[in-house]
C-alpha atoms as a PDB file:
ATOM      1  CA  MET A   1     -10.553   8.603  -9.505  1.00  0.00           C
ATOM      2  CA  PHE A   2     -10.822   8.089  -5.720  1.00  0.00           C
ATOM      3  CA  GLN A   3      -7.273   9.251  -5.049  1.00  0.00           C
ATOM      4  CA  GLU A   4      -7.764  12.525  -6.950  1.00  0.00           C
ATOM      5  CA  ASN A   5     -11.111  13.178  -5.272  1.00  0.00           C
ATOM      6  CA  LEU A   6      -9.643  12.507  -1.829  1.00  0.00           C
ATOM      7  CA  ARG A   7      -6.709  14.855  -2.395  1.00  0.00           C
ATOM      8  CA  LEU A   8      -8.990  17.576  -3.815  1.00  0.00           C
ATOM      9  CA  LYS A   9     -11.551  17.345  -0.988  1.00  0.00           C
ATOM     10  CA  ARG A  10      -8.804  17.277   1.669  1.00  0.00           C
ATOM     11  CA  LYS A  11      -7.196  20.408   0.235  1.00  0.00           C
ATOM     12  CA  GLU A  12     -10.581  22.134  -0.165  1.00  0.00           C
ATOM     13  CA  ARG A  13     -11.079  21.662   3.591  1.00  0.00           C
ATOM     14  CA  GLY A  14      -7.564  22.977   4.276  1.00  0.00           C
ATOM     15  CA  LEU A  15      -6.429  19.744   5.895  1.00  0.00           C
ATOM     16  CA  SER A  16      -2.930  18.328   5.708  1.00  0.00           C
ATOM     17  CA  GLN A  17      -2.428  14.593   5.339  1.00  0.00           C
ATOM     18  CA  GLU A  18      -1.276  14.583   8.965  1.00  0.00           C
ATOM     19  CA  GLU A  19      -4.437  16.339  10.195  1.00  0.00           C
ATOM     20  CA  LEU A  20      -6.727  14.026   8.240  1.00  0.00           C
ATOM     21  CA  ALA A  21      -4.803  10.984   9.468  1.00  0.00           C
ATOM     22  CA  SER A  22      -5.160  12.182  13.056  1.00  0.00           C
ATOM     23  CA  ARG A  23      -8.929  12.528  12.705  1.00  0.00           C
ATOM     24  CA  LEU A  24      -9.171   9.020  11.237  1.00  0.00           C
ATOM     25  CA  HIS A  25      -6.758   7.555  13.820  1.00  0.00           C
ATOM     26  CA  VAL A  26      -4.353   6.302  11.145  1.00  0.00           C
ATOM     27  CA  VAL A  27      -0.782   7.274  10.264  1.00  0.00           C
ATOM     28  CA  ARG A  28      -0.039   9.944   7.662  1.00  0.00           C
ATOM     29  CA  GLN A  29       1.457   7.312   5.351  1.00  0.00           C
ATOM     30  CA  THR A  30      -1.985   5.693   5.090  1.00  0.00           C
ATOM     31  CA  ILE A  31      -3.447   8.912   3.674  1.00  0.00           C
ATOM     32  CA  SER A  32      -0.480   9.208   1.329  1.00  0.00           C
ATOM     33  CA  LYS A  33      -1.018   5.658   0.048  1.00  0.00           C
ATOM     34  CA  TRP A  34      -4.709   6.370  -0.546  1.00  0.00           C
ATOM     35  CA  GLU A  35      -3.865   9.542  -2.461  1.00  0.00           C
ATOM     36  CA  LYS A  36      -1.243   7.723  -4.546  1.00  0.00           C
ATOM     37  CA  GLY A  37      -3.651   4.894  -5.353  1.00  0.00           C
ATOM     38  CA  GLN A  38      -1.458   2.326  -3.604  1.00  0.00           C
ATOM     39  CA  SER A  39      -4.288   1.257  -1.319  1.00  0.00           C
ATOM     40  CA  VAL A  40      -7.876   2.148  -0.562  1.00  0.00           C
ATOM     41  CA  PRO A  41      -9.738   2.571   2.704  1.00  0.00           C
ATOM     42  CA  ASP A  42     -12.165  -0.034   3.936  1.00  0.00           C
ATOM     43  CA  ALA A  43     -15.862   0.793   3.936  1.00  0.00           C
ATOM     44  CA  GLU A  44     -15.850   2.082   7.519  1.00  0.00           C
ATOM     45  CA  GLN A  45     -12.925   4.438   6.870  1.00  0.00           C
ATOM     46  CA  LEU A  46     -14.530   5.572   3.625  1.00  0.00           C
ATOM     47  CA  ILE A  47     -17.662   6.627   5.503  1.00  0.00           C
ATOM     48  CA  LYS A  48     -15.561   8.474   8.118  1.00  0.00           C
ATOM     49  CA  LEU A  49     -13.651  10.215   5.313  1.00  0.00           C
ATOM     50  CA  ALA A  50     -16.871  11.410   3.740  1.00  0.00           C
ATOM     51  CA  VAL A  51     -18.081  12.824   7.066  1.00  0.00           C
ATOM     52  CA  ILE A  52     -14.792  14.583   7.834  1.00  0.00           C
ATOM     53  CA  LEU A  53     -14.509  15.993   4.307  1.00  0.00           C
ATOM     54  CA  GLU A  54     -18.192  16.996   4.311  1.00  0.00           C
ATOM     55  CA  THR A  55     -18.995  15.047   1.161  1.00  0.00           C
ATOM     56  CA  THR A  56     -20.591  11.764   0.165  1.00  0.00           C
ATOM     57  CA  VAL A  57     -18.984   8.385  -0.314  1.00  0.00           C
ATOM     58  CA  SER A  58     -20.195   8.314  -3.902  1.00  0.00           C
ATOM     59  CA  GLU A  59     -18.580  11.686  -4.590  1.00  0.00           C
ATOM     60  CA  LEU A  60     -15.281  10.480  -3.124  1.00  0.00           C
ATOM     61  CA  LEU A  61     -15.481   7.405  -5.336  1.00  0.00           C
ATOM     62  CA  GLY A  62     -16.396   9.548  -8.315  1.00  0.00           C
ATOM     63  CA  THR A  63     -19.833   8.079  -8.918  1.00  0.00           C
ATOM     64  CA  GLN A  64     -23.430   9.033  -8.352  1.00  0.00           C
ATOM     65  CA  VAL A  65     -25.521   6.658  -6.270  1.00  0.00           C
ATOM     66  CA  GLU A  66     -29.187   6.820  -7.125  1.00  0.00           C
ATOM     67  CA  ASN A  67     -30.418   3.740  -5.303  1.00  0.00           C
ATOM     68  CA  GLU A  68     -29.411   1.058  -2.841  1.00  0.00           C
ATOM     69  CA  GLU A  69     -28.472  -1.415  -5.574  1.00  0.00           C
ATOM     70  CA  GLU A  70     -25.859   0.995  -6.912  1.00  0.00           C
ATOM     71  CA  SER A  71     -24.609   1.538  -3.367  1.00  0.00           C
ATOM     72  CA  ASN A  72     -24.122  -2.220  -3.008  1.00  0.00           C
ATOM     73  CA  GLN A  73     -22.311  -2.265  -6.339  1.00  0.00           C
ATOM     74  CA  LEU A  74     -19.936   0.424  -5.059  1.00  0.00           C
ATOM     75  CA  ALA A  75     -19.252  -1.614  -1.933  1.00  0.00           C
ATOM     76  CA  LYS A  76     -18.520  -4.675  -4.079  1.00  0.00           C
ATOM     77  CA  GLU A  77     -16.205  -2.654  -6.318  1.00  0.00           C
ATOM     78  CA  LEU A  78     -14.330  -1.312  -3.312  1.00  0.00           C
ATOM     79  CA  SER A  79     -14.017  -4.836  -1.956  1.00  0.00           C
ATOM     80  CA  ARG A  80     -12.695  -6.042  -5.331  1.00  0.00           C
ATOM     81  CA  ILE A  81     -10.086  -3.260  -5.381  1.00  0.00           C
ATOM     82  CA  ASN A  82      -9.011  -4.121  -1.830  1.00  0.00           C
ATOM     83  CA  THR A  83      -8.650  -7.775  -2.796  1.00  0.00           C
ATOM     84  CA  GLN A  84      -6.587  -6.939  -5.873  1.00  0.00           C
ATOM     85  CA  LEU A  85      -4.278  -4.711  -3.836  1.00  0.00           C
ATOM     86  CA  ALA A  86      -3.860  -7.413  -1.196  1.00  0.00           C
ATOM     87  CA  ILE A  87      -2.955  -9.974  -3.868  1.00  0.00           C
ATOM     88  CA  ARG A  88      -0.484  -7.579  -5.496  1.00  0.00           C
ATOM     89  CA  ASN A  89       1.118  -6.776  -2.128  1.00  0.00           C
ATOM     90  CA  HIS A  90       1.371 -10.486  -1.286  1.00  0.00           C
ATOM     91  CA  ARG A  91       3.049 -11.222  -4.625  1.00  0.00           C
ATOM     92  CA  THR A  92       5.461  -8.335  -4.159  1.00  0.00           C
ATOM     93  CA  ARG A  93       6.436  -9.552  -0.688  1.00  0.00           C
ATOM     94  CA  ARG A  94       6.927 -13.086  -2.023  1.00  0.00           C
ATOM     95  CA  VAL A  95       9.173 -11.872  -4.859  1.00  0.00           C
ATOM     96  CA  LEU A  96      11.203  -9.725  -2.459  1.00  0.00           C
ATOM     97  CA  LYS A  97      11.600 -12.688  -0.103  1.00  0.00           C
ATOM     98  CA  ILE A  98      12.859 -14.890  -2.963  1.00  0.00           C
ATOM     99  CA  ILE A  99      15.318 -12.188  -4.041  1.00  0.00           C
ATOM    100  CA  ALA A 100      16.579 -11.824  -0.463  1.00  0.00           C
ATOM    101  CA  ILE A 101      17.090 -15.584  -0.139  1.00  0.00           C
ATOM    102  CA  ALA A 102      18.900 -15.720  -3.494  1.00  0.00           C
ATOM    103  CA  LEU A 103      21.205 -12.874  -2.429  1.00  0.00           C
ATOM    104  CA  LEU A 104      21.905 -14.590   0.881  1.00  0.00           C
ATOM    105  CA  VAL A 105      22.775 -17.847  -0.887  1.00  0.00           C
ATOM    106  CA  PHE A 106      24.978 -15.970  -3.362  1.00  0.00           C
ATOM    107  CA  ALA A 107      26.792 -14.127  -0.553  1.00  0.00           C
ATOM    108  CA  THR A 108      27.296 -17.405   1.320  1.00  0.00           C
ATOM    109  CA  LEU A 109      28.771 -19.036  -1.784  1.00  0.00           C
ATOM    110  CA  ILE A 110      31.132 -16.120  -2.355  1.00  0.00           C
ATOM    111  CA  PHE A 111      32.222 -16.257   1.278  1.00  0.00           C
ATOM    112  CA  ALA A 112      32.785 -20.048   1.047  1.00  0.00           C
ATOM    113  CA  ILE A 113      34.806 -19.684  -2.167  1.00  0.00           C
ATOM    114  CA  MET A 114      36.913 -16.936  -0.621  1.00  0.00           C
ATOM    115  CA  ALA A 115      37.471 -19.037   2.497  1.00  0.00           C
ATOM    116  CA  LEU A 116      38.535 -22.031   0.401  1.00  0.00           C
ATOM    117  CA  ASN A 117      40.881 -19.903  -1.698  1.00  0.00           C
ATOM    118  CA  TYR A 118      42.389 -18.372   1.405  1.00  0.00           C
ATOM    119  CA  GLY A 119      42.919 -21.836   2.878  1.00  0.00           C
ATOM    120  CA  VAL A 120      44.613 -23.056  -0.318  1.00  0.00           C
ATOM    121  CA  PHE A 121      46.865 -20.003  -0.485  1.00  0.00           C
ATOM    122  CA  ALA A 122      47.703 -20.297   3.201  1.00  0.00           C
ATOM    123  CA  LYS A 123      48.913 -23.889   2.648  1.00  0.00           C
ATOM    124  CA  ILE A 124      50.968 -22.923  -0.431  1.00  0.00           C
ATOM    125  CA  GLY A 125      52.485 -19.899   1.229  1.00  0.00           C
ATOM    126  CA  GLY A 126      52.950 -21.460   4.601  1.00  0.00           C
END
């Protein structure tokens, strides 16, 4: 819900991702990730977004805040989403690191086998 609301509000204000990023002092890719649902802004950035887009935080998040307790619940939900994304990103990096190490080991083995074969053929031929 947040990503659609962000994109809609940004376009309603006639802002490009680059222009919005500049106002928030982030890179354009950050705005793109928010709009794709790959990450979410922290609470401070969320407040700045609401000000720039002339809306409320609750409207960006797609909820109506009627009291402070609900506001705290929204903050907790945003924190939970941030934590989940951080865990997912950490797992992804770990898997990619394991794959890279496995490929390096595989390439090293292939190189060693080729070197051994070349050495054997050099002795036979030589």
